[in-house]
Amino acid sequence: MAHSPTDHPASAWSVFLIFLRLGLTSFGGPIAHLGYFRDEFVTRRRWLSERSYGDLVALCQFLPGPASSQVGIALGLSRAGYGGALAAWLGFTLPSAIVLILFALGIAQHSTVLPTGALHGLKVVAVAVVAQAVWGMARNLCTDAARITLMLLAACAALLQTSAWGQVAVIGAAAVAGLLLFKPTPPAAHDTLPVTLSRRAGAMWLSLFVLVLAGLPVLAQL
């Protein structure tokens, strides 16, 4: 049975169990994970609307790091506060981390056990999973010829860019084109992500983010 948009899990533990199940069953990279999240939290549980999810994905794609982890943290924060954010990250990331470590140790000790071509087969399956996830989100976000054209142009430009700054430029150009070509629609009453965060806390986390983003490259050089 689908949940209403106002239903909240009882605790961070509930969020952890939901994301743990997703972490144990979601195959593929961050793009595929976003497709699984959409099916779980937009279609089935109705935690947020399609438009809110699209906005959240767009924001997290712009930030450094895997977008699926950031979307999961934001969803956990919206349902159970900071405890929910931590629970979502642990539940979704922990299974993959454990399996990856065990797999790496097993390959190091028993490299001949893995059949030839097994890793290549996993890559082929991952491509299919990612393609299905992209197709599912594209049908809801690219709804007319203008949006489809902008999506194709941005995708081609991003594939041709080899530097991170080039891809950032593509994102910025697409944003400007979107502002000029598409008129914003009036937001619905439930379109905002229900995250209760004070201005002071938001400023603190933003300052910490900027400090880490700028400081880590400097520390790497030192």
C-alpha atoms as a PDB file:
ATOM      1  CA  MET A   1       0.000   0.000   0.000  1.00  0.00           C
ATOM      2  CA  ALA A   2       1.395   3.409  -0.937  1.00  0.00           C
ATOM      3  CA  HIS A   3       2.077   5.873   1.857  1.00  0.00           C
ATOM      4  CA  SER A   4       0.799   9.431   1.848  1.00  0.00           C
ATOM      5  CA  PRO A   5       3.307  12.284   1.499  1.00  0.00           C
ATOM      6  CA  THR A   6       2.888  13.189   5.165  1.00  0.00           C
ATOM      7  CA  ASP A   7       3.710   9.751   6.627  1.00  0.00           C
ATOM      8  CA  HIS A   8       6.966   9.729   8.605  1.00  0.00           C
ATOM      9  CA  PRO A   9       8.919   6.733   9.873  1.00  0.00           C
ATOM     10  CA  ALA A  10       8.844   6.434  13.643  1.00  0.00           C
ATOM     11  CA  SER A  11      12.586   6.743  14.092  1.00  0.00           C
ATOM     12  CA  ALA A  12      15.986   6.792  12.464  1.00  0.00           C
ATOM     13  CA  TRP A  13      15.980   3.011  12.887  1.00  0.00           C
ATOM     14  CA  SER A  14      13.076   2.780  10.416  1.00  0.00           C
ATOM     15  CA  VAL A  15      15.049   4.865   7.935  1.00  0.00           C
ATOM     16  CA  PHE A  16      18.072   2.619   8.450  1.00  0.00           C
ATOM     17  CA  LEU A  17      16.084  -0.539   7.695  1.00  0.00           C
ATOM     18  CA  ILE A  18      14.591   0.959   4.527  1.00  0.00           C
ATOM     19  CA  PHE A  19      17.959   2.032   3.185  1.00  0.00           C
ATOM     20  CA  LEU A  20      19.617  -1.200   4.311  1.00  0.00           C
ATOM     21  CA  ARG A  21      17.191  -3.168   2.129  1.00  0.00           C
ATOM     22  CA  LEU A  22      17.975  -0.846  -0.769  1.00  0.00           C
ATOM     23  CA  GLY A  23      21.703  -1.203  -0.115  1.00  0.00           C
ATOM     24  CA  LEU A  24      21.410  -4.996  -0.216  1.00  0.00           C
ATOM     25  CA  THR A  25      19.343  -5.106  -3.410  1.00  0.00           C
ATOM     26  CA  SER A  26      20.375  -2.088  -5.530  1.00  0.00           C
ATOM     27  CA  PHE A  27      22.814  -3.014  -8.285  1.00  0.00           C
ATOM     28  CA  GLY A  28      24.718  -0.519 -10.405  1.00  0.00           C
ATOM     29  CA  GLY A  29      26.316   2.874  -9.895  1.00  0.00           C
ATOM     30  CA  PRO A  30      24.919   6.184  -8.571  1.00  0.00           C
ATOM     31  CA  ILE A  31      22.694   6.774 -11.619  1.00  0.00           C
ATOM     32  CA  ALA A  32      21.075   3.367 -11.214  1.00  0.00           C
ATOM     33  CA  HIS A  33      20.655   4.031  -7.484  1.00  0.00           C
ATOM     34  CA  LEU A  34      18.742   7.219  -8.270  1.00  0.00           C
ATOM     35  CA  GLY A  35      16.320   5.121 -10.304  1.00  0.00           C
ATOM     36  CA  TYR A  36      15.807   2.737  -7.393  1.00  0.00           C
ATOM     37  CA  PHE A  37      15.281   5.699  -5.043  1.00  0.00           C
ATOM     38  CA  ARG A  38      12.650   7.139  -7.367  1.00  0.00           C
ATOM     39  CA  ASP A  39      10.721   3.858  -7.470  1.00  0.00           C
ATOM     40  CA  GLU A  40      10.918   3.491  -3.685  1.00  0.00           C
ATOM     41  CA  PHE A  41      10.342   7.014  -2.384  1.00  0.00           C
ATOM     42  CA  VAL A  42       8.350   8.733  -5.141  1.00  0.00           C
ATOM     43  CA  THR A  43       6.283   5.954  -6.706  1.00  0.00           C
ATOM     44  CA  ARG A  44       5.766   3.518  -3.824  1.00  0.00           C
ATOM     45  CA  ARG A  45       6.145   5.392  -0.531  1.00  0.00           C
ATOM     46  CA  ARG A  46       5.278   8.875  -1.864  1.00  0.00           C
ATOM     47  CA  TRP A  47       7.695  10.612   0.478  1.00  0.00           C
ATOM     48  CA  LEU A  48       7.986  13.473  -2.024  1.00  0.00           C
ATOM     49  CA  SER A  49       6.646  14.517  -5.409  1.00  0.00           C
ATOM     50  CA  GLU A  50       8.227  13.840  -8.788  1.00  0.00           C
ATOM     51  CA  ARG A  51       9.162  17.504  -9.113  1.00  0.00           C
ATOM     52  CA  SER A  52      10.770  17.665  -5.667  1.00  0.00           C
ATOM     53  CA  TYR A  53      12.770  14.534  -6.410  1.00  0.00           C
ATOM     54  CA  GLY A  54      13.958  15.979  -9.721  1.00  0.00           C
ATOM     55  CA  ASP A  55      15.049  19.195  -7.978  1.00  0.00           C
ATOM     56  CA  LEU A  56      16.869  17.218  -5.280  1.00  0.00           C
ATOM     57  CA  VAL A  57      18.672  15.054  -7.840  1.00  0.00           C
ATOM     58  CA  ALA A  58      19.700  18.144  -9.823  1.00  0.00           C
ATOM     59  CA  LEU A  59      21.157  19.761  -6.694  1.00  0.00           C
ATOM     60  CA  CYS A  60      23.047  16.628  -5.645  1.00  0.00           C
ATOM     61  CA  GLN A  61      24.403  16.071  -9.163  1.00  0.00           C
ATOM     62  CA  PHE A  62      25.957  19.535  -8.974  1.00  0.00           C
ATOM     63  CA  LEU A  63      27.762  18.773  -5.685  1.00  0.00           C
ATOM     64  CA  PRO A  64      31.024  16.806  -5.539  1.00  0.00           C
ATOM     65  CA  GLY A  65      30.728  13.129  -4.697  1.00  0.00           C
ATOM     66  CA  PRO A  66      28.234  10.364  -5.536  1.00  0.00           C
ATOM     67  CA  ALA A  67      24.785  11.879  -6.061  1.00  0.00           C
ATOM     68  CA  SER A  68      22.947   8.802  -4.804  1.00  0.00           C
ATOM     69  CA  SER A  69      24.591   9.027  -1.367  1.00  0.00           C
ATOM     70  CA  GLN A  70      23.724  12.717  -1.104  1.00  0.00           C
ATOM     71  CA  VAL A  71      20.110  12.138  -2.183  1.00  0.00           C
ATOM     72  CA  GLY A  72      19.813   9.342   0.387  1.00  0.00           C
ATOM     73  CA  ILE A  73      21.227  11.547   3.148  1.00  0.00           C
ATOM     74  CA  ALA A  74      18.784  14.346   2.235  1.00  0.00           C
ATOM     75  CA  LEU A  75      15.841  11.928   2.269  1.00  0.00           C
ATOM     76  CA  GLY A  76      16.900  10.557   5.649  1.00  0.00           C
ATOM     77  CA  LEU A  77      17.266  14.105   6.982  1.00  0.00           C
ATOM     78  CA  SER A  78      13.777  14.982   5.781  1.00  0.00           C
ATOM     79  CA  ARG A  79      12.206  12.013   7.593  1.00  0.00           C
ATOM     80  CA  ALA A  80      14.122  11.758  10.878  1.00  0.00           C
ATOM     81  CA  GLY A  81      16.512  14.680  11.237  1.00  0.00           C
ATOM     82  CA  TYR A  82      20.263  14.268  11.594  1.00  0.00           C
ATOM     83  CA  GLY A  83      19.846  10.743  12.965  1.00  0.00           C
ATOM     84  CA  GLY A  84      17.874   9.816   9.873  1.00  0.00           C
ATOM     85  CA  ALA A  85      20.557  11.305   7.610  1.00  0.00           C
ATOM     86  CA  LEU A  86      23.247   9.198   9.298  1.00  0.00           C
ATOM     87  CA  ALA A  87      21.011   6.116   9.270  1.00  0.00           C
ATOM     88  CA  ALA A  88      20.299   6.499   5.537  1.00  0.00           C
ATOM     89  CA  TRP A  89      23.997   6.829   4.732  1.00  0.00           C
ATOM     90  CA  LEU A  90      24.993   3.853   6.873  1.00  0.00           C
ATOM     91  CA  GLY A  91      22.150   1.624   5.691  1.00  0.00           C
ATOM     92  CA  PHE A  92      22.781   2.218   2.013  1.00  0.00           C
ATOM     93  CA  THR A  93      26.595   2.375   2.035  1.00  0.00           C
ATOM     94  CA  LEU A  94      27.516  -0.296   4.582  1.00  0.00           C
ATOM     95  CA  PRO A  95      26.489  -3.392   2.548  1.00  0.00           C
ATOM     96  CA  SER A  96      28.396  -2.231  -0.543  1.00  0.00           C
ATOM     97  CA  ALA A  97      31.478  -1.355   1.501  1.00  0.00           C
ATOM     98  CA  ILE A  98      31.524  -4.748   3.255  1.00  0.00           C
ATOM     99  CA  VAL A  99      30.956  -6.708   0.044  1.00  0.00           C
ATOM    100  CA  LEU A 100      33.615  -4.682  -1.801  1.00  0.00           C
ATOM    101  CA  ILE A 101      36.212  -5.262   0.940  1.00  0.00           C
ATOM    102  CA  LEU A 102      35.468  -8.997   1.101  1.00  0.00           C
ATOM    103  CA  PHE A 103      35.516  -9.252  -2.689  1.00  0.00           C
ATOM    104  CA  ALA A 104      38.869  -7.458  -2.885  1.00  0.00           C
ATOM    105  CA  LEU A 105      40.366  -9.703  -0.202  1.00  0.00           C
ATOM    106  CA  GLY A 106      39.020 -12.780  -1.950  1.00  0.00           C
ATOM    107  CA  ILE A 107      40.440 -11.726  -5.324  1.00  0.00           C
ATOM    108  CA  ALA A 108      43.812 -11.029  -3.728  1.00  0.00           C
ATOM    109  CA  GLN A 109      43.947 -14.478  -2.124  1.00  0.00           C
ATOM    110  CA  HIS A 110      42.159 -16.561  -4.768  1.00  0.00           C
ATOM    111  CA  SER A 111      42.470 -14.719  -8.066  1.00  0.00           C
ATOM    112  CA  THR A 112      42.192 -17.913 -10.112  1.00  0.00           C
ATOM    113  CA  VAL A 113      38.749 -18.789  -8.727  1.00  0.00           C
ATOM    114  CA  LEU A 114      36.997 -15.973 -10.616  1.00  0.00           C
ATOM    115  CA  PRO A 115      36.038 -17.156 -14.139  1.00  0.00           C
ATOM    116  CA  THR A 116      37.517 -15.307 -17.100  1.00  0.00           C
ATOM    117  CA  GLY A 117      35.211 -12.546 -18.273  1.00  0.00           C
ATOM    118  CA  ALA A 118      33.139 -12.396 -15.058  1.00  0.00           C
ATOM    119  CA  LEU A 119      33.999  -8.766 -14.365  1.00  0.00           C
ATOM    120  CA  HIS A 120      33.265  -7.863 -17.981  1.00  0.00           C
ATOM    121  CA  GLY A 121      29.855  -9.511 -17.615  1.00  0.00           C
ATOM    122  CA  LEU A 122      29.126  -7.432 -14.525  1.00  0.00           C
ATOM    123  CA  LYS A 123      29.989  -4.265 -16.459  1.00  0.00           C
ATOM    124  CA  VAL A 124      27.556  -5.246 -19.227  1.00  0.00           C
ATOM    125  CA  VAL A 125      24.773  -5.825 -16.694  1.00  0.00           C
ATOM    126  CA  ALA A 126      25.562  -2.489 -15.009  1.00  0.00           C
ATOM    127  CA  VAL A 127      25.159  -0.677 -18.340  1.00  0.00           C
ATOM    128  CA  ALA A 128      21.674  -2.154 -18.749  1.00  0.00           C
ATOM    129  CA  VAL A 129      20.688  -1.203 -15.197  1.00  0.00           C
ATOM    130  CA  VAL A 130      21.921   2.372 -15.600  1.00  0.00           C
ATOM    131  CA  ALA A 131      20.188   2.709 -18.984  1.00  0.00           C
ATOM    132  CA  GLN A 132      16.883   1.571 -17.462  1.00  0.00           C
ATOM    133  CA  ALA A 133      17.217   4.074 -14.611  1.00  0.00           C
ATOM    134  CA  VAL A 134      18.065   6.950 -16.962  1.00  0.00           C
ATOM    135  CA  TRP A 135      15.146   6.073 -19.238  1.00  0.00           C
ATOM    136  CA  GLY A 136      12.725   5.973 -16.298  1.00  0.00           C
ATOM    137  CA  MET A 137      13.716   9.439 -15.054  1.00  0.00           C
ATOM    138  CA  ALA A 138      13.941  10.922 -18.560  1.00  0.00           C
ATOM    139  CA  ARG A 139      10.295  10.095 -19.273  1.00  0.00           C
ATOM    140  CA  ASN A 140       9.259  12.284 -16.340  1.00  0.00           C
ATOM    141  CA  LEU A 141      11.809  15.102 -16.627  1.00  0.00           C
ATOM    142  CA  CYS A 142      12.123  15.484 -20.427  1.00  0.00           C
ATOM    143  CA  THR A 143       8.471  15.817 -21.377  1.00  0.00           C
ATOM    144  CA  ASP A 144       8.621  17.821 -24.611  1.00  0.00           C
ATOM    145  CA  ALA A 145      10.784  18.353 -27.689  1.00  0.00           C
ATOM    146  CA  ALA A 146      12.605  21.405 -26.272  1.00  0.00           C
ATOM    147  CA  ARG A 147      13.641  19.606 -23.080  1.00  0.00           C
ATOM    148  CA  ILE A 148      14.667  16.491 -24.991  1.00  0.00           C
ATOM    149  CA  THR A 149      16.795  18.595 -27.356  1.00  0.00           C
ATOM    150  CA  LEU A 150      18.472  20.417 -24.453  1.00  0.00           C
ATOM    151  CA  MET A 151      19.117  17.092 -22.715  1.00  0.00           C
ATOM    152  CA  LEU A 152      20.730  15.578 -25.830  1.00  0.00           C
ATOM    153  CA  LEU A 153      22.905  18.636 -26.451  1.00  0.00           C
ATOM    154  CA  ALA A 154      24.051  18.737 -22.824  1.00  0.00           C
ATOM    155  CA  ALA A 155      24.757  14.993 -22.814  1.00  0.00           C
ATOM    156  CA  CYS A 156      26.818  15.192 -26.015  1.00  0.00           C
ATOM    157  CA  ALA A 157      28.763  18.210 -24.727  1.00  0.00           C
ATOM    158  CA  ALA A 158      29.454  16.497 -21.384  1.00  0.00           C
ATOM    159  CA  LEU A 159      30.719  13.355 -23.137  1.00  0.00           C
ATOM    160  CA  LEU A 160      33.089  15.426 -25.261  1.00  0.00           C
ATOM    161  CA  GLN A 161      34.543  17.211 -22.227  1.00  0.00           C
ATOM    162  CA  THR A 162      37.509  15.559 -20.533  1.00  0.00           C
ATOM    163  CA  SER A 163      37.923  18.010 -17.659  1.00  0.00           C
ATOM    164  CA  ALA A 164      35.770  18.571 -14.594  1.00  0.00           C
ATOM    165  CA  TRP A 165      35.557  22.315 -15.307  1.00  0.00           C
ATOM    166  CA  GLY A 166      34.263  21.584 -18.792  1.00  0.00           C
ATOM    167  CA  GLN A 167      31.402  19.540 -17.350  1.00  0.00           C
ATOM    168  CA  VAL A 168      30.650  22.295 -14.841  1.00  0.00           C
ATOM    169  CA  ALA A 169      30.472  24.702 -17.785  1.00  0.00           C
ATOM    170  CA  VAL A 170      27.963  22.403 -19.497  1.00  0.00           C
ATOM    171  CA  ILE A 171      25.815  22.376 -16.355  1.00  0.00           C
ATOM    172  CA  GLY A 172      25.941  26.171 -16.144  1.00  0.00           C
ATOM    173  CA  ALA A 173      25.081  26.610 -19.816  1.00  0.00           C
ATOM    174  CA  ALA A 174      22.150  24.212 -19.501  1.00  0.00           C
ATOM    175  CA  ALA A 175      20.900  26.111 -16.456  1.00  0.00           C
ATOM    176  CA  VAL A 176      21.005  29.439 -18.333  1.00  0.00           C
ATOM    177  CA  ALA A 177      19.220  27.853 -21.303  1.00  0.00           C
ATOM    178  CA  GLY A 178      16.568  26.473 -18.977  1.00  0.00           C
ATOM    179  CA  LEU A 179      15.972  29.913 -17.451  1.00  0.00           C
ATOM    180  CA  LEU A 180      15.606  31.484 -20.883  1.00  0.00           C
ATOM    181  CA  LEU A 181      13.517  28.780 -22.565  1.00  0.00           C
ATOM    182  CA  PHE A 182      11.208  27.452 -19.870  1.00  0.00           C
ATOM    183  CA  LYS A 183       8.835  29.412 -17.679  1.00  0.00           C
ATOM    184  CA  PRO A 184       8.694  28.197 -14.074  1.00  0.00           C
ATOM    185  CA  THR A 185       5.447  26.564 -13.036  1.00  0.00           C
ATOM    186  CA  PRO A 186       3.758  27.539  -9.746  1.00  0.00           C
ATOM    187  CA  PRO A 187       4.967  25.171  -7.010  1.00  0.00           C
ATOM    188  CA  ALA A 188       2.428  22.785  -5.547  1.00  0.00           C
ATOM    189  CA  ALA A 189       1.737  22.730  -1.816  1.00  0.00           C
ATOM    190  CA  HIS A 190       3.682  19.491  -1.292  1.00  0.00           C
ATOM    191  CA  ASP A 191       6.521  20.230  -3.714  1.00  0.00           C
ATOM    192  CA  THR A 192       8.988  21.399  -1.086  1.00  0.00           C
ATOM    193  CA  LEU A 193      11.236  18.851   0.607  1.00  0.00           C
ATOM    194  CA  PRO A 194      10.184  18.790   4.284  1.00  0.00           C
ATOM    195  CA  VAL A 195      13.592  19.460   5.833  1.00  0.00           C
ATOM    196  CA  THR A 196      13.563  21.503   9.023  1.00  0.00           C
ATOM    197  CA  LEU A 197      16.896  23.314   9.126  1.00  0.00           C
ATOM    198  CA  SER A 198      17.511  26.671  10.740  1.00  0.00           C
ATOM    199  CA  ARG A 199      19.389  29.428   8.939  1.00  0.00           C
ATOM    200  CA  ARG A 200      22.171  29.227  11.509  1.00  0.00           C
ATOM    201  CA  ALA A 201      22.594  25.479  11.055  1.00  0.00           C
ATOM    202  CA  GLY A 202      22.445  25.858   7.275  1.00  0.00           C
ATOM    203  CA  ALA A 203      25.135  28.536   7.338  1.00  0.00           C
ATOM    204  CA  MET A 204      27.320  26.383   9.593  1.00  0.00           C
ATOM    205  CA  TRP A 205      27.076  23.318   7.324  1.00  0.00           C
ATOM    206  CA  LEU A 206      27.644  25.438   4.216  1.00  0.00           C
ATOM    207  CA  SER A 207      30.770  26.975   5.750  1.00  0.00           C
ATOM    208  CA  LEU A 208      32.055  23.524   6.707  1.00  0.00           C
ATOM    209  CA  PHE A 209      31.368  22.239   3.185  1.00  0.00           C
ATOM    210  CA  VAL A 210      33.231  25.127   1.550  1.00  0.00           C
ATOM    211  CA  LEU A 211      36.120  24.744   4.013  1.00  0.00           C
ATOM    212  CA  VAL A 212      36.488  21.029   3.276  1.00  0.00           C
ATOM    213  CA  LEU A 213      36.033  21.521  -0.478  1.00  0.00           C
ATOM    214  CA  ALA A 214      38.759  24.159  -0.601  1.00  0.00           C
ATOM    215  CA  GLY A 215      40.996  22.724   2.114  1.00  0.00           C
ATOM    216  CA  LEU A 216      41.337  19.108   0.977  1.00  0.00           C
ATOM    217  CA  PRO A 217      43.087  19.947  -2.337  1.00  0.00           C
ATOM    218  CA  VAL A 218      45.480  22.205  -0.431  1.00  0.00           C
ATOM    219  CA  LEU A 219      46.244  19.434   2.074  1.00  0.00           C
ATOM    220  CA  ALA A 220      46.753  16.989  -0.797  1.00  0.00           C
ATOM    221  CA  GLN A 221      49.382  19.312  -2.295  1.00  0.00           C
ATOM    222  CA  LEU A 222      51.137  19.685   1.057  1.00  0.00           C
END
